Amino acid sequence: MAKVLMTTTVDVQTGAPVNTFAVSANDTIKAVVLRKYMSAGASQARITDLSLTVPDGTATSFTIPGANPKPISTGNGPRAAATMVVQQGAGVEEESWVEGINFTLSGSVITFLPNFIGTGKVATISYTYYDPTAANLVYDIPVYPSNTKGTITMDGLNIILWNEGILAQELKAWVTAGKANGVIEALITDA
């Protein structure tokens, strides 16, 4: 018998935990290990007041200086659309810009859709993101085995795994990888 633990990652768009596993083809899944507690998902954090001074003149883009601020390290990072308060010069009225309409953000590069024009320009970005670190997930939602079924997905098929009673089953894996829902902590195989 072998214990196959889940590898948990975080869906960067929704914050949902994603459990994946790897087995050998033709391994038989003999049982499942259910969690006592599961996670509702990653926590959200709000980054506010990332203040930038954009060089004088006309700017079509700007690179955020230094290390990429968390979590703007990738173009499709785990964050909700950003907003930006811009002031195109001292004494000029502030404007609120929205990502996708007034600017785009890819990695640490901001591309201004209307050019950012003026002197003494300041941009202040705010955005919300999901914590992408699976180790930071909090497992605090009780799981009740009497009313919980485990499901796994292999080769695009959703399979319900019953772990007790007359419906208990053994499943022979025909592929080497799959996903499991949040209540399954491990699979027990015949390997």
N, C-alpha and C. Protein backbone atom coordinates (compact mmCIF):
# COMPACT_ATOMS: atom_id res chain seq x y z
N MET A 1 0.84 -1.19 0.00
CA MET A 1 0.00 0.00 0.00
C MET A 1 0.88 1.25 0.00
N ALA A 2 0.41 2.26 -0.66
CA ALA A 2 1.16 3.52 -0.72
C ALA A 2 0.20 4.68 -0.46
N LYS A 3 0.72 5.69 0.21
CA LYS A 3 -0.04 6.90 0.48
C LYS A 3 0.37 7.94 -0.55
N VAL A 4 -0.59 8.49 -1.26
CA VAL A 4 -0.33 9.53 -2.26
C VAL A 4 -0.93 10.83 -1.74
N LEU A 5 -0.07 11.74 -1.31
CA LEU A 5 -0.54 13.02 -0.77
C LEU A 5 -0.93 13.97 -1.89
N MET A 6 -1.81 14.88 -1.57
CA MET A 6 -2.21 15.91 -2.51
C MET A 6 -1.14 17.00 -2.54
N THR A 7 -0.93 17.58 -3.71
CA THR A 7 -0.10 18.78 -3.84
C THR A 7 -1.06 19.95 -4.00
N THR A 8 -1.04 20.85 -3.04
CA THR A 8 -2.00 21.95 -3.04
C THR A 8 -1.36 23.21 -3.58
N THR A 9 -2.04 23.83 -4.52
CA THR A 9 -1.66 25.14 -5.04
C THR A 9 -2.88 26.05 -4.90
N VAL A 10 -2.72 27.32 -5.26
CA VAL A 10 -3.81 28.27 -5.15
C VAL A 10 -4.15 28.77 -6.55
N ASP A 11 -5.44 28.71 -6.90
CA ASP A 11 -5.90 29.30 -8.16
C ASP A 11 -5.76 30.81 -8.03
N VAL A 12 -4.88 31.39 -8.84
CA VAL A 12 -4.55 32.81 -8.64
C VAL A 12 -5.69 33.75 -9.01
N GLN A 13 -6.67 33.27 -9.75
CA GLN A 13 -7.79 34.14 -10.11
C GLN A 13 -8.91 34.11 -9.09
N THR A 14 -9.11 32.96 -8.42
CA THR A 14 -10.24 32.83 -7.49
C THR A 14 -9.81 32.65 -6.04
N GLY A 15 -8.55 32.28 -5.81
CA GLY A 15 -8.08 32.02 -4.46
C GLY A 15 -8.41 30.62 -3.96
N ALA A 16 -9.06 29.80 -4.80
CA ALA A 16 -9.46 28.45 -4.38
C ALA A 16 -8.26 27.52 -4.32
N PRO A 17 -8.21 26.64 -3.30
CA PRO A 17 -7.16 25.62 -3.26
C PRO A 17 -7.37 24.61 -4.39
N VAL A 18 -6.29 24.20 -5.04
CA VAL A 18 -6.35 23.19 -6.10
C VAL A 18 -5.46 22.03 -5.67
N ASN A 19 -6.05 20.85 -5.53
CA ASN A 19 -5.31 19.66 -5.11
C ASN A 19 -5.04 18.76 -6.31
N THR A 20 -3.77 18.44 -6.54
CA THR A 20 -3.41 17.54 -7.62
C THR A 20 -2.64 16.36 -7.04
N PHE A 21 -2.61 15.26 -7.80
CA PHE A 21 -1.88 14.07 -7.35
C PHE A 21 -1.27 13.38 -8.56
N ALA A 22 -0.27 12.54 -8.28
CA ALA A 22 0.37 11.74 -9.32
C ALA A 22 0.43 10.29 -8.86
N VAL A 23 0.02 9.39 -9.73
CA VAL A 23 0.06 7.95 -9.46
C VAL A 23 0.69 7.27 -10.67
N SER A 24 0.95 5.99 -10.56
CA SER A 24 1.40 5.22 -11.71
C SER A 24 0.18 4.65 -12.41
N ALA A 25 0.25 4.54 -13.73
CA ALA A 25 -0.85 3.94 -14.47
C ALA A 25 -1.07 2.54 -13.94
N ASN A 26 -2.32 2.16 -13.81
CA ASN A 26 -2.77 0.85 -13.33
C ASN A 26 -2.68 0.69 -11.81
N ASP A 27 -2.27 1.73 -11.06
CA ASP A 27 -2.39 1.67 -9.60
C ASP A 27 -3.87 1.59 -9.25
N THR A 28 -4.20 0.83 -8.24
CA THR A 28 -5.59 0.76 -7.77
C THR A 28 -5.74 1.64 -6.55
N ILE A 29 -6.71 2.53 -6.60
CA ILE A 29 -7.00 3.39 -5.46
C ILE A 29 -7.87 2.58 -4.50
N LYS A 30 -7.31 2.23 -3.36
CA LYS A 30 -7.97 1.36 -2.39
C LYS A 30 -8.84 2.14 -1.41
N ALA A 31 -8.45 3.38 -1.10
CA ALA A 31 -9.19 4.17 -0.12
C ALA A 31 -8.81 5.64 -0.26
N VAL A 32 -9.55 6.47 0.42
CA VAL A 32 -9.22 7.90 0.47
C VAL A 32 -9.06 8.29 1.93
N VAL A 33 -8.24 9.29 2.17
CA VAL A 33 -8.08 9.87 3.50
C VAL A 33 -8.78 11.22 3.46
N LEU A 34 -9.79 11.37 4.28
CA LEU A 34 -10.52 12.64 4.32
C LEU A 34 -9.91 13.57 5.35
N ARG A 35 -9.94 14.84 5.05
CA ARG A 35 -9.45 15.85 5.99
C ARG A 35 -10.44 16.00 7.16
N LYS A 36 -9.91 16.36 8.31
CA LYS A 36 -10.79 16.73 9.43
C LYS A 36 -11.26 18.17 9.25
N TYR A 37 -10.40 18.96 8.61
CA TYR A 37 -10.73 20.36 8.34
C TYR A 37 -10.27 20.68 6.92
N MET A 38 -11.03 21.54 6.23
CA MET A 38 -10.59 21.98 4.92
C MET A 38 -10.54 23.51 4.89
N SER A 39 -9.99 24.03 3.80
CA SER A 39 -9.80 25.48 3.68
C SER A 39 -10.85 26.07 2.76
N ALA A 40 -11.35 27.22 3.13
CA ALA A 40 -12.31 27.94 2.28
C ALA A 40 -11.62 28.62 1.12
N GLY A 41 -10.32 28.82 1.22
CA GLY A 41 -9.58 29.48 0.14
C GLY A 41 -8.58 30.47 0.68
N ALA A 42 -7.83 31.02 -0.23
CA ALA A 42 -6.77 31.96 0.13
C ALA A 42 -7.37 33.27 0.63
N SER A 43 -6.64 33.92 1.50
CA SER A 43 -7.10 35.21 2.00
C SER A 43 -6.76 36.30 0.99
N GLN A 44 -7.52 37.36 1.05
CA GLN A 44 -7.26 38.52 0.20
C GLN A 44 -6.52 39.58 0.99
N ALA A 45 -5.69 40.29 0.29
CA ALA A 45 -4.99 41.42 0.90
C ALA A 45 -5.17 42.62 -0.02
N ARG A 46 -5.23 43.78 0.56
CA ARG A 46 -5.39 45.01 -0.22
C ARG A 46 -4.09 45.79 -0.14
N ILE A 47 -3.50 46.07 -1.29
CA ILE A 47 -2.31 46.91 -1.36
C ILE A 47 -2.80 48.31 -1.72
N THR A 48 -2.47 49.25 -0.90
CA THR A 48 -2.89 50.62 -1.19
C THR A 48 -1.68 51.53 -1.15
N ASP A 49 -1.83 52.60 -1.83
CA ASP A 49 -0.83 53.68 -1.79
C ASP A 49 0.57 53.24 -2.22
N LEU A 50 0.64 52.50 -3.34
CA LEU A 50 1.92 52.26 -3.98
C LEU A 50 2.18 53.51 -4.81
N SER A 51 2.91 54.46 -4.22
CA SER A 51 3.06 55.79 -4.80
C SER A 51 4.27 55.86 -5.71
N LEU A 52 4.08 56.36 -6.92
CA LEU A 52 5.13 56.43 -7.93
C LEU A 52 5.27 57.86 -8.44
N THR A 53 6.50 58.27 -8.67
CA THR A 53 6.76 59.56 -9.29
C THR A 53 7.18 59.29 -10.73
N VAL A 54 6.35 59.72 -11.67
CA VAL A 54 6.59 59.48 -13.09
C VAL A 54 7.36 60.67 -13.65
N PRO A 55 8.39 60.42 -14.48
CA PRO A 55 9.20 61.54 -15.00
C PRO A 55 8.37 62.58 -15.75
N ASP A 56 8.85 63.81 -15.73
CA ASP A 56 8.16 64.91 -16.40
C ASP A 56 8.07 64.67 -17.90
N GLY A 57 7.08 65.32 -18.52
CA GLY A 57 6.89 65.20 -19.96
C GLY A 57 5.74 64.26 -20.27
N THR A 58 5.79 63.67 -21.46
CA THR A 58 4.76 62.74 -21.89
C THR A 58 5.25 61.32 -21.66
N ALA A 59 4.48 60.54 -20.90
CA ALA A 59 4.86 59.15 -20.63
C ALA A 59 3.80 58.23 -21.21
N THR A 60 4.25 57.29 -22.05
CA THR A 60 3.34 56.27 -22.57
C THR A 60 3.40 55.01 -21.70
N SER A 61 4.54 54.84 -20.99
CA SER A 61 4.66 53.71 -20.07
C SER A 61 5.63 54.09 -18.96
N PHE A 62 5.64 53.27 -17.92
CA PHE A 62 6.51 53.51 -16.78
C PHE A 62 6.81 52.18 -16.12
N THR A 63 8.06 51.94 -15.76
CA THR A 63 8.44 50.72 -15.07
C THR A 63 8.57 51.00 -13.59
N ILE A 64 7.85 50.23 -12.78
CA ILE A 64 7.91 50.40 -11.33
C ILE A 64 9.34 50.10 -10.91
N PRO A 65 9.99 51.02 -10.22
CA PRO A 65 11.40 50.83 -9.86
C PRO A 65 11.59 49.78 -8.77
N GLY A 66 12.81 49.22 -8.72
CA GLY A 66 13.16 48.25 -7.68
C GLY A 66 12.52 46.90 -7.96
N ALA A 67 12.46 46.09 -6.92
CA ALA A 67 11.85 44.77 -7.03
C ALA A 67 10.36 44.93 -7.30
N ASN A 68 9.80 44.00 -8.09
CA ASN A 68 8.37 44.06 -8.37
C ASN A 68 7.60 43.97 -7.06
N PRO A 69 6.69 44.89 -6.82
CA PRO A 69 5.92 44.81 -5.58
C PRO A 69 5.02 43.58 -5.60
N LYS A 70 4.83 42.97 -4.47
CA LYS A 70 3.99 41.80 -4.35
C LYS A 70 2.56 42.18 -4.67
N PRO A 71 1.83 41.45 -5.47
CA PRO A 71 2.24 40.31 -6.26
C PRO A 71 2.30 40.66 -7.74
N ILE A 72 2.82 41.82 -8.10
CA ILE A 72 2.88 42.22 -9.50
C ILE A 72 4.13 41.65 -10.16
N SER A 73 4.45 40.41 -9.90
CA SER A 73 5.66 39.85 -10.46
C SER A 73 5.42 39.20 -11.81
N THR A 74 4.15 38.95 -12.16
CA THR A 74 3.83 38.38 -13.46
C THR A 74 2.69 39.15 -14.09
N GLY A 75 2.59 39.06 -15.38
CA GLY A 75 1.53 39.77 -16.09
C GLY A 75 0.14 39.27 -15.73
N ASN A 76 0.01 37.97 -15.45
CA ASN A 76 -1.30 37.42 -15.09
C ASN A 76 -1.30 37.03 -13.63
N GLY A 77 -0.81 37.90 -12.81
CA GLY A 77 -0.64 37.60 -11.39
C GLY A 77 -1.95 37.47 -10.65
N PRO A 78 -1.85 37.07 -9.39
CA PRO A 78 -3.04 36.81 -8.59
C PRO A 78 -3.62 38.07 -7.98
N ARG A 79 -4.12 38.96 -8.80
CA ARG A 79 -4.67 40.18 -8.24
C ARG A 79 -5.91 40.61 -9.01
N ALA A 80 -6.75 41.34 -8.35
CA ALA A 80 -7.92 41.92 -9.00
C ALA A 80 -7.47 43.19 -9.72
N ALA A 81 -8.33 43.71 -10.58
CA ALA A 81 -7.99 44.91 -11.35
C ALA A 81 -7.55 46.04 -10.43
N ALA A 82 -6.52 46.72 -10.87
CA ALA A 82 -5.97 47.82 -10.09
C ALA A 82 -6.68 49.12 -10.43
N THR A 83 -6.61 50.04 -9.49
CA THR A 83 -7.05 51.41 -9.74
C THR A 83 -5.86 52.31 -9.47
N MET A 84 -5.89 53.48 -10.07
CA MET A 84 -4.76 54.39 -9.92
C MET A 84 -5.30 55.81 -9.79
N VAL A 85 -4.83 56.51 -8.79
CA VAL A 85 -5.12 57.94 -8.67
C VAL A 85 -3.93 58.66 -9.27
N VAL A 86 -4.16 59.49 -10.27
CA VAL A 86 -3.07 60.19 -10.93
C VAL A 86 -3.24 61.69 -10.77
N GLN A 87 -2.12 62.36 -10.65
CA GLN A 87 -2.10 63.82 -10.63
C GLN A 87 -1.04 64.22 -11.65
N GLN A 88 -1.46 64.86 -12.72
CA GLN A 88 -0.56 65.15 -13.83
C GLN A 88 0.18 66.47 -13.64
N GLY A 89 0.45 66.80 -12.38
CA GLY A 89 1.22 68.00 -12.08
C GLY A 89 0.73 68.64 -10.79
N ALA A 90 1.63 69.37 -10.13
CA ALA A 90 1.27 70.04 -8.89
C ALA A 90 0.12 71.02 -9.16
N GLY A 91 -0.88 70.99 -8.30
CA GLY A 91 -2.01 71.90 -8.44
C GLY A 91 -3.05 71.43 -9.45
N VAL A 92 -2.76 70.34 -10.17
CA VAL A 92 -3.72 69.81 -11.13
C VAL A 92 -4.66 68.84 -10.40
N GLU A 93 -5.92 68.83 -10.79
CA GLU A 93 -6.89 67.97 -10.12
C GLU A 93 -6.54 66.49 -10.30
N GLU A 94 -6.74 65.70 -9.24
CA GLU A 94 -6.49 64.26 -9.30
C GLU A 94 -7.56 63.56 -10.13
N GLU A 95 -7.17 62.49 -10.81
CA GLU A 95 -8.11 61.68 -11.59
C GLU A 95 -8.01 60.23 -11.13
N SER A 96 -9.12 59.50 -11.23
CA SER A 96 -9.11 58.08 -10.91
C SER A 96 -9.09 57.29 -12.21
N TRP A 97 -8.05 56.44 -12.36
CA TRP A 97 -7.90 55.61 -13.56
C TRP A 97 -8.14 54.16 -13.19
N VAL A 98 -8.69 53.40 -14.13
CA VAL A 98 -9.03 52.00 -13.92
C VAL A 98 -8.22 51.14 -14.88
N GLU A 99 -7.65 50.05 -14.34
CA GLU A 99 -6.88 49.13 -15.18
C GLU A 99 -7.77 48.55 -16.28
N GLY A 100 -7.23 48.48 -17.48
CA GLY A 100 -7.98 47.98 -18.62
C GLY A 100 -8.68 49.08 -19.39
N ILE A 101 -8.90 50.21 -18.74
CA ILE A 101 -9.54 51.35 -19.41
C ILE A 101 -8.53 52.48 -19.60
N ASN A 102 -7.86 52.88 -18.51
CA ASN A 102 -6.91 53.98 -18.56
C ASN A 102 -5.45 53.52 -18.57
N PHE A 103 -5.20 52.28 -18.14
CA PHE A 103 -3.83 51.77 -18.14
C PHE A 103 -3.86 50.25 -18.09
N THR A 104 -2.74 49.64 -18.45
CA THR A 104 -2.56 48.20 -18.28
C THR A 104 -1.33 47.99 -17.42
N LEU A 105 -1.30 46.85 -16.75
CA LEU A 105 -0.21 46.53 -15.85
C LEU A 105 0.27 45.13 -16.19
N SER A 106 1.50 45.01 -16.67
CA SER A 106 2.07 43.71 -17.02
C SER A 106 3.43 43.61 -16.36
N GLY A 107 3.53 42.69 -15.38
CA GLY A 107 4.76 42.65 -14.60
C GLY A 107 4.89 43.98 -13.88
N SER A 108 6.04 44.60 -14.00
CA SER A 108 6.22 45.89 -13.34
C SER A 108 6.08 47.06 -14.31
N VAL A 109 5.56 46.79 -15.52
CA VAL A 109 5.42 47.86 -16.53
C VAL A 109 3.97 48.33 -16.60
N ILE A 110 3.80 49.63 -16.39
CA ILE A 110 2.49 50.27 -16.53
C ILE A 110 2.47 50.92 -17.90
N THR A 111 1.46 50.60 -18.69
CA THR A 111 1.27 51.28 -19.98
C THR A 111 0.06 52.17 -19.84
N PHE A 112 0.26 53.46 -20.07
CA PHE A 112 -0.82 54.43 -19.94
C PHE A 112 -1.58 54.49 -21.26
N LEU A 113 -2.89 54.31 -21.22
CA LEU A 113 -3.67 54.31 -22.46
C LEU A 113 -3.94 55.73 -22.94
N PRO A 114 -4.36 56.67 -22.09
CA PRO A 114 -4.13 58.05 -22.49
C PRO A 114 -2.74 58.39 -21.95
N ASN A 115 -1.93 59.08 -22.70
CA ASN A 115 -0.58 59.42 -22.21
C ASN A 115 -0.66 60.18 -20.89
N PHE A 116 0.35 59.98 -20.08
CA PHE A 116 0.45 60.66 -18.79
C PHE A 116 1.33 61.88 -19.04
N ILE A 117 0.73 63.09 -19.02
CA ILE A 117 1.41 64.31 -19.46
C ILE A 117 1.51 65.31 -18.32
N GLY A 118 2.68 65.97 -18.20
CA GLY A 118 2.79 67.04 -17.24
C GLY A 118 4.12 67.02 -16.50
N THR A 119 4.19 67.84 -15.46
CA THR A 119 5.38 67.90 -14.62
C THR A 119 4.98 67.59 -13.18
N GLY A 120 5.92 67.02 -12.42
CA GLY A 120 5.64 66.66 -11.03
C GLY A 120 4.51 65.64 -10.93
N LYS A 121 4.49 64.65 -11.85
CA LYS A 121 3.38 63.70 -11.92
C LYS A 121 3.51 62.63 -10.83
N VAL A 122 2.38 62.27 -10.22
CA VAL A 122 2.36 61.23 -9.20
C VAL A 122 1.23 60.27 -9.53
N ALA A 123 1.50 58.97 -9.41
CA ALA A 123 0.49 57.93 -9.60
C ALA A 123 0.46 57.07 -8.34
N THR A 124 -0.71 56.83 -7.82
CA THR A 124 -0.87 55.99 -6.63
C THR A 124 -1.75 54.81 -6.99
N ILE A 125 -1.18 53.59 -6.95
CA ILE A 125 -1.89 52.38 -7.36
C ILE A 125 -2.43 51.65 -6.13
N SER A 126 -3.64 51.09 -6.28
CA SER A 126 -4.23 50.22 -5.27
C SER A 126 -4.78 48.99 -5.97
N TYR A 127 -4.66 47.82 -5.32
CA TYR A 127 -5.22 46.60 -5.90
C TYR A 127 -5.40 45.55 -4.81
N THR A 128 -6.24 44.58 -5.11
CA THR A 128 -6.50 43.46 -4.21
C THR A 128 -5.91 42.21 -4.84
N TYR A 129 -5.36 41.31 -4.02
CA TYR A 129 -4.83 40.06 -4.56
C TYR A 129 -5.06 38.92 -3.58
N TYR A 130 -5.07 37.72 -4.13
CA TYR A 130 -5.14 36.51 -3.30
C TYR A 130 -3.73 36.10 -2.93
N ASP A 131 -3.55 35.65 -1.70
CA ASP A 131 -2.25 35.14 -1.27
C ASP A 131 -1.98 33.86 -2.05
N PRO A 132 -0.96 33.83 -2.91
CA PRO A 132 -0.73 32.66 -3.77
C PRO A 132 0.04 31.53 -3.09
N THR A 133 0.42 31.69 -1.82
CA THR A 133 1.24 30.69 -1.13
C THR A 133 0.36 29.64 -0.47
N ALA A 134 0.41 28.41 -0.98
CA ALA A 134 -0.45 27.34 -0.46
C ALA A 134 -0.18 27.07 1.02
N ALA A 135 1.05 27.26 1.47
CA ALA A 135 1.39 27.01 2.88
C ALA A 135 0.66 27.96 3.81
N ASN A 136 0.15 29.08 3.30
CA ASN A 136 -0.57 30.05 4.13
C ASN A 136 -2.07 29.78 4.23
N LEU A 137 -2.57 28.75 3.51
CA LEU A 137 -3.99 28.42 3.60
C LEU A 137 -4.33 28.02 5.03
N VAL A 138 -5.51 28.40 5.48
CA VAL A 138 -5.96 28.07 6.83
C VAL A 138 -7.02 26.98 6.71
N TYR A 139 -6.78 25.85 7.37
CA TYR A 139 -7.71 24.72 7.37
C TYR A 139 -8.52 24.78 8.66
N ASP A 140 -9.73 25.34 8.56
CA ASP A 140 -10.53 25.54 9.76
C ASP A 140 -12.01 25.24 9.57
N ILE A 141 -12.38 24.66 8.44
CA ILE A 141 -13.79 24.32 8.20
C ILE A 141 -13.96 22.83 8.47
N PRO A 142 -14.76 22.45 9.47
CA PRO A 142 -14.90 21.03 9.81
C PRO A 142 -15.46 20.22 8.65
N VAL A 143 -14.94 19.01 8.47
CA VAL A 143 -15.44 18.06 7.49
C VAL A 143 -16.14 16.94 8.26
N TYR A 144 -17.35 16.60 7.84
CA TYR A 144 -18.12 15.56 8.50
C TYR A 144 -18.19 14.35 7.58
N PRO A 145 -17.44 13.28 7.87
CA PRO A 145 -17.38 12.13 6.97
C PRO A 145 -18.74 11.52 6.65
N SER A 146 -19.70 11.62 7.56
CA SER A 146 -20.99 11.01 7.31
C SER A 146 -21.74 11.68 6.16
N ASN A 147 -21.42 12.93 5.86
CA ASN A 147 -22.12 13.59 4.76
C ASN A 147 -21.16 14.10 3.70
N THR A 148 -19.95 13.56 3.63
CA THR A 148 -18.95 14.06 2.70
C THR A 148 -18.53 12.97 1.73
N LYS A 149 -18.55 13.27 0.44
CA LYS A 149 -18.04 12.39 -0.59
C LYS A 149 -16.77 13.03 -1.14
N GLY A 150 -15.81 12.21 -1.47
CA GLY A 150 -14.62 12.72 -2.13
C GLY A 150 -14.75 12.56 -3.62
N THR A 151 -14.26 13.50 -4.38
CA THR A 151 -14.25 13.36 -5.84
C THR A 151 -12.85 13.59 -6.36
N ILE A 152 -12.51 12.86 -7.41
CA ILE A 152 -11.25 13.11 -8.11
C ILE A 152 -11.57 13.26 -9.59
N THR A 153 -10.69 13.91 -10.29
CA THR A 153 -10.84 14.07 -11.73
C THR A 153 -9.63 13.45 -12.39
N MET A 154 -9.88 12.48 -13.26
CA MET A 154 -8.81 11.87 -14.05
C MET A 154 -9.26 11.87 -15.49
N ASP A 155 -8.39 12.35 -16.37
CA ASP A 155 -8.67 12.33 -17.80
C ASP A 155 -9.98 13.05 -18.14
N GLY A 156 -10.28 14.11 -17.37
CA GLY A 156 -11.48 14.90 -17.62
C GLY A 156 -12.76 14.34 -17.05
N LEU A 157 -12.70 13.17 -16.39
CA LEU A 157 -13.89 12.57 -15.82
C LEU A 157 -13.95 12.83 -14.32
N ASN A 158 -15.11 13.24 -13.82
CA ASN A 158 -15.30 13.43 -12.39
C ASN A 158 -15.76 12.11 -11.78
N ILE A 159 -15.00 11.59 -10.82
CA ILE A 159 -15.28 10.30 -10.22
C ILE A 159 -15.56 10.49 -8.74
N ILE A 160 -16.69 9.94 -8.27
CA ILE A 160 -17.02 10.00 -6.86
C ILE A 160 -16.38 8.80 -6.19
N LEU A 161 -15.59 9.06 -5.16
CA LEU A 161 -14.95 7.98 -4.40
C LEU A 161 -15.68 7.81 -3.09
N TRP A 162 -16.32 6.67 -2.92
CA TRP A 162 -16.99 6.35 -1.67
C TRP A 162 -16.00 5.60 -0.81
N ASN A 163 -15.95 5.88 0.46
CA ASN A 163 -14.93 5.24 1.30
C ASN A 163 -15.50 4.34 2.38
N GLU A 164 -16.79 4.05 2.33
CA GLU A 164 -17.35 3.17 3.35
C GLU A 164 -18.63 2.53 2.85
N GLY A 165 -19.01 1.47 3.51
CA GLY A 165 -20.30 0.84 3.24
C GLY A 165 -20.37 0.09 1.93
N ILE A 166 -21.60 -0.18 1.51
CA ILE A 166 -21.83 -0.99 0.33
C ILE A 166 -21.31 -0.33 -0.95
N LEU A 167 -21.15 0.98 -0.92
CA LEU A 167 -20.71 1.70 -2.12
C LEU A 167 -19.19 1.79 -2.22
N ALA A 168 -18.46 1.20 -1.26
CA ALA A 168 -17.00 1.25 -1.32
C ALA A 168 -16.53 0.64 -2.64
N GLN A 169 -15.50 1.22 -3.21
CA GLN A 169 -15.03 0.76 -4.51
C GLN A 169 -13.53 0.88 -4.60
N GLU A 170 -12.97 0.18 -5.54
CA GLU A 170 -11.55 0.33 -5.87
C GLU A 170 -11.49 0.76 -7.31
N LEU A 171 -10.64 1.73 -7.59
CA LEU A 171 -10.56 2.31 -8.92
C LEU A 171 -9.15 2.13 -9.46
N LYS A 172 -9.02 1.57 -10.65
CA LYS A 172 -7.71 1.39 -11.27
C LYS A 172 -7.41 2.62 -12.12
N ALA A 173 -6.29 3.27 -11.84
CA ALA A 173 -5.94 4.49 -12.55
C ALA A 173 -5.51 4.17 -13.98
N TRP A 174 -6.08 4.85 -14.92
CA TRP A 174 -5.69 4.66 -16.32
C TRP A 174 -4.84 5.82 -16.83
N VAL A 175 -4.67 6.83 -15.99
CA VAL A 175 -3.76 7.95 -16.28
C VAL A 175 -2.86 8.14 -15.07
N THR A 176 -1.88 9.02 -15.16
CA THR A 176 -0.91 9.14 -14.08
C THR A 176 -1.08 10.39 -13.22
N ALA A 177 -2.06 11.21 -13.51
CA ALA A 177 -2.24 12.44 -12.72
C ALA A 177 -3.71 12.81 -12.69
N GLY A 178 -4.09 13.60 -11.69
CA GLY A 178 -5.46 14.06 -11.60
C GLY A 178 -5.60 15.14 -10.55
N LYS A 179 -6.84 15.54 -10.30
CA LYS A 179 -7.15 16.54 -9.28
C LYS A 179 -8.14 15.95 -8.31
N ALA A 180 -8.12 16.44 -7.07
CA ALA A 180 -9.06 15.98 -6.06
C ALA A 180 -9.69 17.18 -5.37
N ASN A 181 -10.92 16.99 -4.89
CA ASN A 181 -11.55 18.12 -4.21
C ASN A 181 -10.93 18.33 -2.83
N GLY A 182 -11.33 19.41 -2.18
CA GLY A 182 -10.65 19.86 -0.97
C GLY A 182 -10.76 18.95 0.23
N VAL A 183 -11.73 18.02 0.24
CA VAL A 183 -11.86 17.17 1.43
C VAL A 183 -10.91 15.99 1.41
N ILE A 184 -10.31 15.70 0.26
CA ILE A 184 -9.38 14.55 0.18
C ILE A 184 -7.97 15.02 0.53
N GLU A 185 -7.40 14.40 1.54
CA GLU A 185 -6.03 14.72 1.95
C GLU A 185 -5.04 13.80 1.26
N ALA A 186 -5.43 12.54 1.03
CA ALA A 186 -4.52 11.58 0.40
C ALA A 186 -5.32 10.44 -0.21
N LEU A 187 -4.68 9.74 -1.15
CA LEU A 187 -5.20 8.51 -1.70
C LEU A 187 -4.34 7.37 -1.20
N ILE A 188 -4.96 6.23 -0.97
CA ILE A 188 -4.22 5.02 -0.61
C ILE A 188 -4.29 4.10 -1.83
N THR A 189 -3.13 3.72 -2.36
CA THR A 189 -3.10 2.87 -3.55
C THR A 189 -2.42 1.54 -3.23
N ASP A 190 -2.46 0.61 -4.18
CA ASP A 190 -1.83 -0.70 -3.99
C ASP A 190 -0.37 -0.72 -4.41
N ALA A 191 0.19 0.42 -4.74
CA ALA A 191 1.60 0.46 -5.20
C ALA A 191 2.57 0.07 -4.12
